[in-house]
C-alpha atoms as a PDB file:
ATOM      1  CA  UNK A   1     -99.647  41.762  19.952  1.00  0.00           C
ATOM      2  CA  UNK A   2     -98.890  40.288  16.534  1.00  0.00           C
ATOM      3  CA  UNK A   3    -101.225  39.636  13.591  1.00  0.00           C
ATOM      4  CA  UNK A   4    -100.904  35.831  14.011  1.00  0.00           C
ATOM      5  CA  UNK A   5    -101.942  36.180  17.668  1.00  0.00           C
ATOM      6  CA  UNK A   6    -105.011  38.191  16.643  1.00  0.00           C
ATOM      7  CA  UNK A   7    -105.921  35.409  14.197  1.00  0.00           C
ATOM      8  CA  UNK A   8    -105.567  32.845  16.973  1.00  0.00           C
ATOM      9  CA  UNK A   9    -107.797  34.901  19.272  1.00  0.00           C
ATOM     10  CA  UNK A  10    -110.301  35.237  16.422  1.00  0.00           C
ATOM     11  CA  UNK A  11    -110.334  31.424  16.108  1.00  0.00           C
ATOM     12  CA  UNK A  12    -111.025  31.129  19.840  1.00  0.00           C
ATOM     13  CA  UNK A  13    -113.888  33.634  19.546  1.00  0.00           C
ATOM     14  CA  UNK A  14    -115.349  31.759  16.558  1.00  0.00           C
ATOM     15  CA  UNK A  15    -115.483  28.511  18.540  1.00  0.00           C
ATOM     16  CA  UNK A  16    -118.600  29.211  20.651  1.00  0.00           C
ATOM     17  CA  UNK A  17    -120.367  30.663  17.590  1.00  0.00           C
ATOM     18  CA  UNK A  18    -119.548  27.470  15.678  1.00  0.00           C
ATOM     19  CA  UNK A  19    -120.601  25.249  18.598  1.00  0.00           C
ATOM     20  CA  UNK A  20    -123.967  26.978  19.063  1.00  0.00           C
ATOM     21  CA  UNK A  21    -124.631  26.840  15.322  1.00  0.00           C
ATOM     22  CA  UNK A  22    -123.702  23.144  15.156  1.00  0.00           C
ATOM     23  CA  UNK A  23    -125.838  22.014  18.083  1.00  0.00           C
ATOM     24  CA  UNK A  24    -128.772  24.115  16.842  1.00  0.00           C
ATOM     25  CA  UNK A  25    -128.881  22.142  13.575  1.00  0.00           C
ATOM     26  CA  UNK A  26    -131.991  20.121  12.757  1.00  0.00           C
ATOM     27  CA  UNK A  27    -133.064  18.738   9.379  1.00  0.00           C
ATOM     28  CA  UNK A  28    -135.699  21.491   9.297  1.00  0.00           C
ATOM     29  CA  UNK A  29    -132.899  24.059   9.638  1.00  0.00           C
ATOM     30  CA  UNK A  30    -130.539  22.610   7.049  1.00  0.00           C
ATOM     31  CA  UNK A  31    -128.906  26.015   6.516  1.00  0.00           C
ATOM     32  CA  UNK A  32    -127.397  25.775  10.035  1.00  0.00           C
ATOM     33  CA  UNK A  33    -125.306  22.787   8.950  1.00  0.00           C
ATOM     34  CA  UNK A  34    -123.782  24.855   6.154  1.00  0.00           C
ATOM     35  CA  UNK A  35    -123.343  27.879   8.395  1.00  0.00           C
ATOM     36  CA  UNK A  36    -121.559  25.707  10.970  1.00  0.00           C
ATOM     37  CA  UNK A  37    -119.376  24.331   8.174  1.00  0.00           C
ATOM     38  CA  UNK A  38    -118.527  27.847   6.962  1.00  0.00           C
ATOM     39  CA  UNK A  39    -117.622  29.021  10.457  1.00  0.00           C
ATOM     40  CA  UNK A  40    -115.517  25.906  11.035  1.00  0.00           C
ATOM     41  CA  UNK A  41    -113.699  26.306   7.695  1.00  0.00           C
ATOM     42  CA  UNK A  42    -113.001  29.966   8.496  1.00  0.00           C
ATOM     43  CA  UNK A  43    -111.627  28.997  11.911  1.00  0.00           C
ATOM     44  CA  UNK A  44    -109.520  26.228  10.333  1.00  0.00           C
ATOM     45  CA  UNK A  45    -108.111  28.609   7.728  1.00  0.00           C
ATOM     46  CA  UNK A  46    -107.039  31.007  10.497  1.00  0.00           C
ATOM     47  CA  UNK A  47    -105.091  28.085  11.991  1.00  0.00           C
ATOM     48  CA  UNK A  48    -103.055  27.666   8.819  1.00  0.00           C
ATOM     49  CA  UNK A  49    -102.805  31.403   8.212  1.00  0.00           C
ATOM     50  CA  UNK A  50    -101.549  32.338  11.667  1.00  0.00           C
ATOM     51  CA  UNK A  51     -98.709  29.832  11.416  1.00  0.00           C
ATOM     52  CA  UNK A  52     -97.708  30.966   7.950  1.00  0.00           C
ATOM     53  CA  UNK A  53     -97.819  34.638   8.906  1.00  0.00           C
ATOM     54  CA  UNK A  54     -95.849  34.047  12.098  1.00  0.00           C
ATOM     55  CA  UNK A  55     -93.042  32.480  10.060  1.00  0.00           C
ATOM     56  CA  UNK A  56     -93.246  34.828   7.068  1.00  0.00           C
ATOM     57  CA  UNK A  57     -93.470  38.032   9.113  1.00  0.00           C
ATOM     58  CA  UNK A  58     -91.054  36.678  11.730  1.00  0.00           C
ATOM     59  CA  UNK A  59     -93.671  37.272  14.416  1.00  0.00           C
ATOM     60  CA  UNK A  60     -93.353  34.083  16.417  1.00  0.00           C
ATOM     61  CA  UNK A  61     -94.120  34.793  20.063  1.00  0.00           C
ATOM     62  CA  UNK A  62     -94.240  32.798  23.288  1.00  0.00           C
ATOM     63  CA  UNK A  63     -97.913  33.742  23.592  1.00  0.00           C
ATOM     64  CA  UNK A  64     -98.590  32.448  20.082  1.00  0.00           C
ATOM     65  CA  UNK A  65     -96.755  29.187  20.727  1.00  0.00           C
ATOM     66  CA  UNK A  66     -99.014  28.583  23.702  1.00  0.00           C
ATOM     67  CA  UNK A  67    -102.292  29.992  22.331  1.00  0.00           C
ATOM     68  CA  UNK A  68    -102.214  28.374  18.872  1.00  0.00           C
ATOM     69  CA  UNK A  69    -102.322  24.727  20.003  1.00  0.00           C
ATOM     70  CA  UNK A  70    -104.792  25.669  22.743  1.00  0.00           C
ATOM     71  CA  UNK A  71    -107.070  27.320  20.159  1.00  0.00           C
ATOM     72  CA  UNK A  72    -106.875  24.155  18.028  1.00  0.00           C
ATOM     73  CA  UNK A  73    -107.809  21.981  21.003  1.00  0.00           C
ATOM     74  CA  UNK A  74    -110.722  24.222  21.988  1.00  0.00           C
ATOM     75  CA  UNK A  75    -112.057  24.300  18.413  1.00  0.00           C
ATOM     76  CA  UNK A  76    -111.678  20.572  17.758  1.00  0.00           C
ATOM     77  CA  UNK A  77    -112.930  19.430  21.159  1.00  0.00           C
ATOM     78  CA  UNK A  78    -115.949  21.718  20.758  1.00  0.00           C
ATOM     79  CA  UNK A  79    -116.564  20.265  17.310  1.00  0.00           C
ATOM     80  CA  UNK A  80    -116.454  16.631  18.378  1.00  0.00           C
ATOM     81  CA  UNK A  81    -118.389  17.211  21.599  1.00  0.00           C
ATOM     82  CA  UNK A  82    -120.922  19.171  19.530  1.00  0.00           C
ATOM     83  CA  UNK A  83    -121.372  16.185  17.219  1.00  0.00           C
ATOM     84  CA  UNK A  84    -122.507  14.170  20.250  1.00  0.00           C
ATOM     85  CA  UNK A  85    -125.456  16.566  20.637  1.00  0.00           C
ATOM     86  CA  UNK A  86    -126.539  16.420  17.000  1.00  0.00           C
ATOM     87  CA  UNK A  87    -128.232  13.069  16.579  1.00  0.00           C
ATOM     88  CA  UNK A  88    -129.846  14.039  13.283  1.00  0.00           C
ATOM     89  CA  UNK A  89    -126.695  14.156  11.142  1.00  0.00           C
ATOM     90  CA  UNK A  90    -126.670  11.236   8.702  1.00  0.00           C
ATOM     91  CA  UNK A  91    -122.899  10.752   9.025  1.00  0.00           C
ATOM     92  CA  UNK A  92    -121.297  10.780  12.434  1.00  0.00           C
ATOM     93  CA  UNK A  93    -118.106   9.148  13.613  1.00  0.00           C
ATOM     94  CA  UNK A  94    -118.602   6.152  15.881  1.00  0.00           C
ATOM     95  CA  UNK A  95    -118.613   7.142  19.550  1.00  0.00           C
ATOM     96  CA  UNK A  96    -115.299   5.374  20.225  1.00  0.00           C
ATOM     97  CA  UNK A  97    -113.552   7.578  17.646  1.00  0.00           C
ATOM     98  CA  UNK A  98    -114.950  10.736  19.230  1.00  0.00           C
ATOM     99  CA  UNK A  99    -113.892   9.496  22.674  1.00  0.00           C
ATOM    100  CA  UNK A 100    -110.370   8.731  21.381  1.00  0.00           C
ATOM    101  CA  UNK A 101    -110.030  12.251  19.958  1.00  0.00           C
ATOM    102  CA  UNK A 102    -111.347  13.897  23.127  1.00  0.00           C
ATOM    103  CA  UNK A 103    -109.292  11.828  25.562  1.00  0.00           C
ATOM    104  CA  UNK A 104    -106.048  12.236  23.624  1.00  0.00           C
ATOM    105  CA  UNK A 105    -106.378  16.008  23.822  1.00  0.00           C
ATOM    106  CA  UNK A 106    -107.451  15.966  27.464  1.00  0.00           C
ATOM    107  CA  UNK A 107    -104.494  13.750  28.402  1.00  0.00           C
ATOM    108  CA  UNK A 108    -102.067  16.034  26.554  1.00  0.00           C
ATOM    109  CA  UNK A 109    -103.565  19.172  28.131  1.00  0.00           C
ATOM    110  CA  UNK A 110    -103.494  17.605  31.599  1.00  0.00           C
ATOM    111  CA  UNK A 111     -99.857  16.554  31.096  1.00  0.00           C
ATOM    112  CA  UNK A 112     -98.864  19.988  29.829  1.00  0.00           C
ATOM    113  CA  UNK A 113    -100.487  21.825  32.733  1.00  0.00           C
ATOM    114  CA  UNK A 114     -99.108  19.342  35.276  1.00  0.00           C
ATOM    115  CA  UNK A 115     -95.564  19.879  34.002  1.00  0.00           C
ATOM    116  CA  UNK A 116     -96.120  23.635  33.837  1.00  0.00           C
ATOM    117  CA  UNK A 117     -97.340  23.856  37.446  1.00  0.00           C
ATOM    118  CA  UNK A 118     -94.510  21.562  38.555  1.00  0.00           C
ATOM    119  CA  UNK A 119     -92.159  24.187  37.050  1.00  0.00           C
ATOM    120  CA  UNK A 120     -90.741  21.711  34.559  1.00  0.00           C
ATOM    121  CA  UNK A 121     -89.235  23.579  31.615  1.00  0.00           C
ATOM    122  CA  UNK A 122     -90.493  22.200  28.355  1.00  0.00           C
ATOM    123  CA  UNK A 123     -90.990  23.413  24.856  1.00  0.00           C
ATOM    124  CA  UNK A 124     -94.057  22.388  22.890  1.00  0.00           C
ATOM    125  CA  UNK A 125     -92.702  21.571  19.455  1.00  0.00           C
ATOM    126  CA  UNK A 126     -95.234  20.650  16.781  1.00  0.00           C
ATOM    127  CA  UNK A 127     -94.362  17.588  14.736  1.00  0.00           C
ATOM    128  CA  UNK A 128     -95.589  16.058  11.496  1.00  0.00           C
ATOM    129  CA  UNK A 129     -97.884  13.561  13.247  1.00  0.00           C
ATOM    130  CA  UNK A 130     -99.501  16.314  15.299  1.00  0.00           C
ATOM    131  CA  UNK A 131    -100.087  18.386  12.168  1.00  0.00           C
ATOM    132  CA  UNK A 132    -101.496  15.376  10.297  1.00  0.00           C
ATOM    133  CA  UNK A 133    -103.789  14.709  13.248  1.00  0.00           C
ATOM    134  CA  UNK A 134    -105.095  18.273  13.319  1.00  0.00           C
ATOM    135  CA  UNK A 135    -105.626  18.388   9.552  1.00  0.00           C
ATOM    136  CA  UNK A 136    -107.355  14.996   9.462  1.00  0.00           C
ATOM    137  CA  UNK A 137    -109.616  15.923  12.390  1.00  0.00           C
ATOM    138  CA  UNK A 138    -110.555  19.186  10.652  1.00  0.00           C
ATOM    139  CA  UNK A 139    -111.153  17.439   7.321  1.00  0.00           C
ATOM    140  CA  UNK A 140    -113.218  14.733   8.993  1.00  0.00           C
ATOM    141  CA  UNK A 141    -115.514  17.296  10.543  1.00  0.00           C
ATOM    142  CA  UNK A 142    -115.904  19.052   7.176  1.00  0.00           C
ATOM    143  CA  UNK A 143    -116.682  15.742   5.445  1.00  0.00           C
ATOM    144  CA  UNK A 144    -119.263  14.920   8.134  1.00  0.00           C
ATOM    145  CA  UNK A 145    -120.985  18.291   7.736  1.00  0.00           C
ATOM    146  CA  UNK A 146    -120.900  17.903   3.947  1.00  0.00           C
ATOM    147  CA  UNK A 147    -122.312  14.370   4.353  1.00  0.00           C
ATOM    148  CA  UNK A 148    -119.565  12.925   2.177  1.00  0.00           C
ATOM    149  CA  UNK A 149    -119.218   9.121   2.438  1.00  0.00           C
ATOM    150  CA  UNK A 150    -115.416   9.532   2.505  1.00  0.00           C
ATOM    151  CA  UNK A 151    -115.936  10.552   6.142  1.00  0.00           C
ATOM    152  CA  UNK A 152    -116.187   6.885   7.097  1.00  0.00           C
ATOM    153  CA  UNK A 153    -112.700   5.757   5.965  1.00  0.00           C
ATOM    154  CA  UNK A 154    -111.259   9.139   6.977  1.00  0.00           C
ATOM    155  CA  UNK A 155    -112.549   8.600  10.522  1.00  0.00           C
ATOM    156  CA  UNK A 156    -110.371   5.475  10.854  1.00  0.00           C
ATOM    157  CA  UNK A 157    -107.330   7.268   9.430  1.00  0.00           C
ATOM    158  CA  UNK A 158    -107.991  10.170  11.794  1.00  0.00           C
ATOM    159  CA  UNK A 159    -108.130   7.947  14.860  1.00  0.00           C
ATOM    160  CA  UNK A 160    -104.878   6.273  13.773  1.00  0.00           C
ATOM    161  CA  UNK A 161    -103.141   9.669  13.475  1.00  0.00           C
ATOM    162  CA  UNK A 162    -104.689  10.728  16.789  1.00  0.00           C
ATOM    163  CA  UNK A 163    -103.337   7.702  18.654  1.00  0.00           C
ATOM    164  CA  UNK A 164     -99.884   7.847  17.015  1.00  0.00           C
ATOM    165  CA  UNK A 165     -99.434  11.556  17.670  1.00  0.00           C
ATOM    166  CA  UNK A 166    -100.617  11.131  21.253  1.00  0.00           C
ATOM    167  CA  UNK A 167     -98.043   8.403  21.839  1.00  0.00           C
ATOM    168  CA  UNK A 168     -95.287  10.523  20.243  1.00  0.00           C
ATOM    169  CA  UNK A 169     -96.151  13.591  22.362  1.00  0.00           C
ATOM    170  CA  UNK A 170     -96.316  11.497  25.552  1.00  0.00           C
ATOM    171  CA  UNK A 171     -92.939   9.880  24.941  1.00  0.00           C
ATOM    172  CA  UNK A 172     -91.325  13.291  24.437  1.00  0.00           C
END
């Protein structure tokens, strides 16, 4: 197995640790918000690093091409579902934005697995809109955990990227 694949697996393993830390947050345990942020940032950095290393070291694998987007989905869905359980955060995206993010990923995953089990050959090719969506969703979560007011306009930009990328992936 390649180094990028190990990083992807590490990101998957960090996800439940992040989720538990996030949903355990209360204002009395403020340090958990920062710990959750640190774990999430570390997981997000492994996302960028595994892609760069796969290209630089020429270690692109079929396993990596499947696991990397799955790891992103698991991390981001856990993050946004986790936010639903933390009612004490001062900044949270409106529920409709969280639902849009969750349903877009669920629809794409359902479509991918349906085509896979129907033995339809397809290649998952990342595109600019998908990358912008992932980055904006990751940044939005960081801004929320940092309680930065920029989270509010970023949430609308994020949902726009989410919808556009979902439409682009579906039409492919």
